[in-house]
Amino acid sequence: MRVVLQIVKEAHVDLEGKTISSIGKGFVLLVGFCVEDNEAIAKKMAEKIAKLRIFPDENGKTNLSLEKVDGEILSVSQFTLYGSVKEGNRPSFVEAMPQQKAGDMYQYFLSELGKLVPRLQSNVFHTDCQVHIVNDGPFTLMLDSKELIK
């Protein structure tokens, strides 16, 4: 499982010209699953994200959690995080979890994250949407379950 996490001042997702979800200060998550992922990995990733202390405190140190800053999360499914361009110039997505299973896994991830972060928005899985992000910093992290969860 891979998650690109960005701290944002605000963000929203549009689908067919209409805003379907929006947040103020918080995280935007771009979330992808590989064929090896399972519910245990998704749950651990949700727990890790909810506990991250990456907002600045009064001394400018990254020390505050999402909860401490009354933040929100906008999660967006992103299978292309498992695109590989090792060979050739066109991405291969053989490592990405198949669509149906990935949709179920994404819903499970959202349900686990929602237990920890009450202000959670998301996109509609497997849709062509537009994500509008106002980065803060910018501050971006790449979380990979293969590195975080052993």
Protein backbone atom coordinates (compact mmCIF):
# COMPACT_ATOMS: atom_id res chain seq x y z
CA MET A 1 0.00 0.00 0.00
CA ARG A 2 1.27 3.41 -0.90
CA VAL A 3 -0.01 6.75 0.30
CA VAL A 4 1.18 10.16 -0.82
CA LEU A 5 0.24 12.50 2.01
CA GLN A 6 0.20 16.26 1.59
CA ILE A 7 -0.57 18.86 4.21
CA VAL A 8 -3.09 21.28 2.73
CA LYS A 9 -4.76 24.54 3.61
CA GLU A 10 -7.82 23.34 1.66
CA ALA A 11 -8.75 20.81 -1.00
CA HIS A 12 -11.73 19.53 -2.90
CA VAL A 13 -12.68 16.89 -5.44
CA ASP A 14 -14.87 17.63 -8.44
CA LEU A 15 -16.74 14.99 -10.39
CA GLU A 16 -18.52 15.92 -13.61
CA GLY A 17 -18.17 19.61 -12.80
CA LYS A 18 -19.58 19.40 -9.25
CA THR A 19 -17.71 19.42 -5.95
CA ILE A 20 -18.37 16.10 -4.20
CA SER A 21 -16.06 16.51 -1.20
CA SER A 22 -14.00 19.25 0.36
CA ILE A 23 -11.88 19.96 3.41
CA GLY A 24 -10.10 22.82 5.07
CA LYS A 25 -6.79 22.38 6.89
CA GLY A 26 -5.57 18.81 6.96
CA PHE A 27 -4.24 15.99 4.79
CA VAL A 28 -4.89 14.97 1.23
CA LEU A 29 -4.14 11.28 0.78
CA LEU A 30 -3.50 9.70 -2.60
CA VAL A 31 -4.02 5.98 -1.89
CA GLY A 32 -2.96 2.96 -3.95
CA PHE A 33 -2.97 -0.77 -3.32
CA CYS A 34 -0.73 -3.50 -4.69
CA VAL A 35 -1.67 -7.11 -5.30
CA GLU A 36 -0.08 -8.19 -1.98
CA ASP A 37 -2.06 -5.82 0.26
CA ASN A 38 -4.64 -7.00 2.77
CA GLU A 39 -6.93 -5.61 5.48
CA ALA A 40 -4.25 -5.85 8.19
CA ILE A 41 -1.97 -3.60 6.13
CA ALA A 42 -4.78 -1.13 5.41
CA LYS A 43 -5.68 -0.95 9.11
CA LYS A 44 -2.07 -0.35 10.17
CA MET A 45 -1.67 2.35 7.53
CA ALA A 46 -4.84 4.08 8.77
CA GLU A 47 -3.49 3.99 12.32
CA LYS A 48 -0.12 5.39 11.23
CA ILE A 49 -1.72 8.26 9.31
CA ALA A 50 -4.03 9.19 12.19
CA LYS A 51 -1.12 9.33 14.64
CA LEU A 52 1.39 11.27 12.53
CA ARG A 53 2.71 14.38 14.25
CA ILE A 54 3.68 16.56 11.32
CA PHE A 55 2.03 19.93 11.93
CA PRO A 56 4.24 22.64 13.43
CA ASP A 57 3.92 23.47 17.12
CA GLU A 58 4.45 26.93 18.65
CA ASN A 59 8.23 26.50 18.13
CA GLY A 60 7.91 25.50 14.48
CA LYS A 61 8.78 21.83 15.15
CA THR A 62 6.73 19.13 13.43
CA ASN A 63 5.10 17.90 16.60
CA LEU A 64 1.30 18.19 16.34
CA SER A 65 -1.15 15.56 15.12
CA LEU A 66 -4.17 16.06 12.90
CA GLU A 67 -6.38 15.85 15.99
CA LYS A 68 -4.41 18.60 17.78
CA VAL A 69 -4.92 21.03 14.90
CA ASP A 70 -8.58 20.08 14.36
CA GLY A 71 -7.69 18.88 10.86
CA GLU A 72 -9.56 16.92 8.22
CA ILE A 73 -8.66 14.30 5.63
CA LEU A 74 -9.54 14.09 1.95
CA SER A 75 -8.66 10.63 0.62
CA VAL A 76 -8.41 9.95 -3.12
CA SER A 77 -7.94 6.50 -4.64
CA GLN A 78 -4.92 6.43 -6.97
CA PHE A 79 -4.00 3.10 -8.59
CA THR A 80 -1.29 4.83 -10.62
CA LEU A 81 0.92 4.89 -7.51
CA TYR A 82 1.84 1.34 -8.57
CA GLY A 83 2.70 2.29 -12.13
CA SER A 84 6.19 1.20 -13.14
CA VAL A 85 8.31 2.70 -15.90
CA LYS A 86 11.33 0.45 -15.34
CA GLU A 87 11.00 -0.84 -18.88
CA GLY A 88 9.92 1.28 -21.81
CA ASN A 89 8.16 4.61 -21.73
CA ARG A 90 4.62 3.50 -21.02
CA PRO A 91 3.70 2.62 -17.43
CA SER A 92 2.89 -0.94 -16.46
CA PHE A 93 0.31 -1.47 -13.73
CA VAL A 94 0.81 -5.19 -13.10
CA GLU A 95 1.66 -4.53 -9.43
CA ALA A 96 -1.60 -2.61 -8.85
CA MET A 97 -4.43 -4.48 -7.17
CA PRO A 98 -7.26 -5.42 -9.57
CA GLN A 99 -10.11 -2.90 -9.64
CA GLN A 100 -12.85 -4.83 -7.79
CA LYS A 101 -10.58 -5.97 -4.98
CA ALA A 102 -8.97 -2.51 -4.76
CA GLY A 103 -12.41 -0.92 -4.43
CA ASP A 104 -13.23 -3.20 -1.51
CA MET A 105 -9.84 -2.55 0.07
CA TYR A 106 -10.28 1.22 -0.35
CA GLN A 107 -13.67 1.09 1.40
CA TYR A 108 -12.15 -0.95 4.22
CA PHE A 109 -9.29 1.56 4.56
CA LEU A 110 -11.78 4.45 4.69
CA SER A 111 -13.87 2.68 7.34
CA GLU A 112 -10.80 2.08 9.52
CA LEU A 113 -9.52 5.63 9.02
CA GLY A 114 -12.98 7.02 9.77
CA LYS A 115 -12.91 5.35 13.19
CA LEU A 116 -9.81 7.38 14.01
CA VAL A 117 -10.45 10.62 12.12
CA PRO A 118 -14.06 11.79 12.30
CA ARG A 119 -13.71 14.48 9.61
CA LEU A 120 -12.98 12.31 6.58
CA GLN A 121 -13.99 12.93 2.97
CA SER A 122 -13.19 10.88 -0.13
CA ASN A 123 -13.63 10.61 -3.85
CA VAL A 124 -15.82 8.10 -5.66
CA PHE A 125 -13.67 5.06 -6.37
CA HIS A 126 -12.66 4.45 -9.99
CA THR A 127 -13.93 7.74 -11.38
CA ASP A 128 -12.20 10.40 -13.43
CA CYS A 129 -12.22 13.30 -11.00
CA GLN A 130 -10.36 16.55 -10.54
CA VAL A 131 -8.47 17.10 -7.29
CA HIS A 132 -7.86 20.70 -6.28
CA ILE A 133 -5.17 21.14 -3.64
CA VAL A 134 -3.75 24.17 -1.88
CA ASN A 135 -0.55 22.75 -0.41
CA ASP A 136 0.75 24.08 2.88
CA GLY A 137 4.51 24.27 2.97
CA PRO A 138 4.51 22.28 0.76
CA PHE A 139 4.87 19.30 3.07
CA THR A 140 4.59 15.90 1.37
CA LEU A 141 5.33 12.39 2.63
CA MET A 142 5.39 9.07 0.80
CA LEU A 143 4.21 6.21 3.01
CA ASP A 144 4.89 2.69 1.73
CA SER A 145 3.64 -0.30 3.72
CA LYS A 146 6.70 -2.32 2.69
CA GLU A 147 8.84 0.18 4.63
CA LEU A 148 6.47 1.02 7.48
CA ILE A 149 4.95 -2.36 8.24
CA LYS A 150 7.26 -5.33 8.68
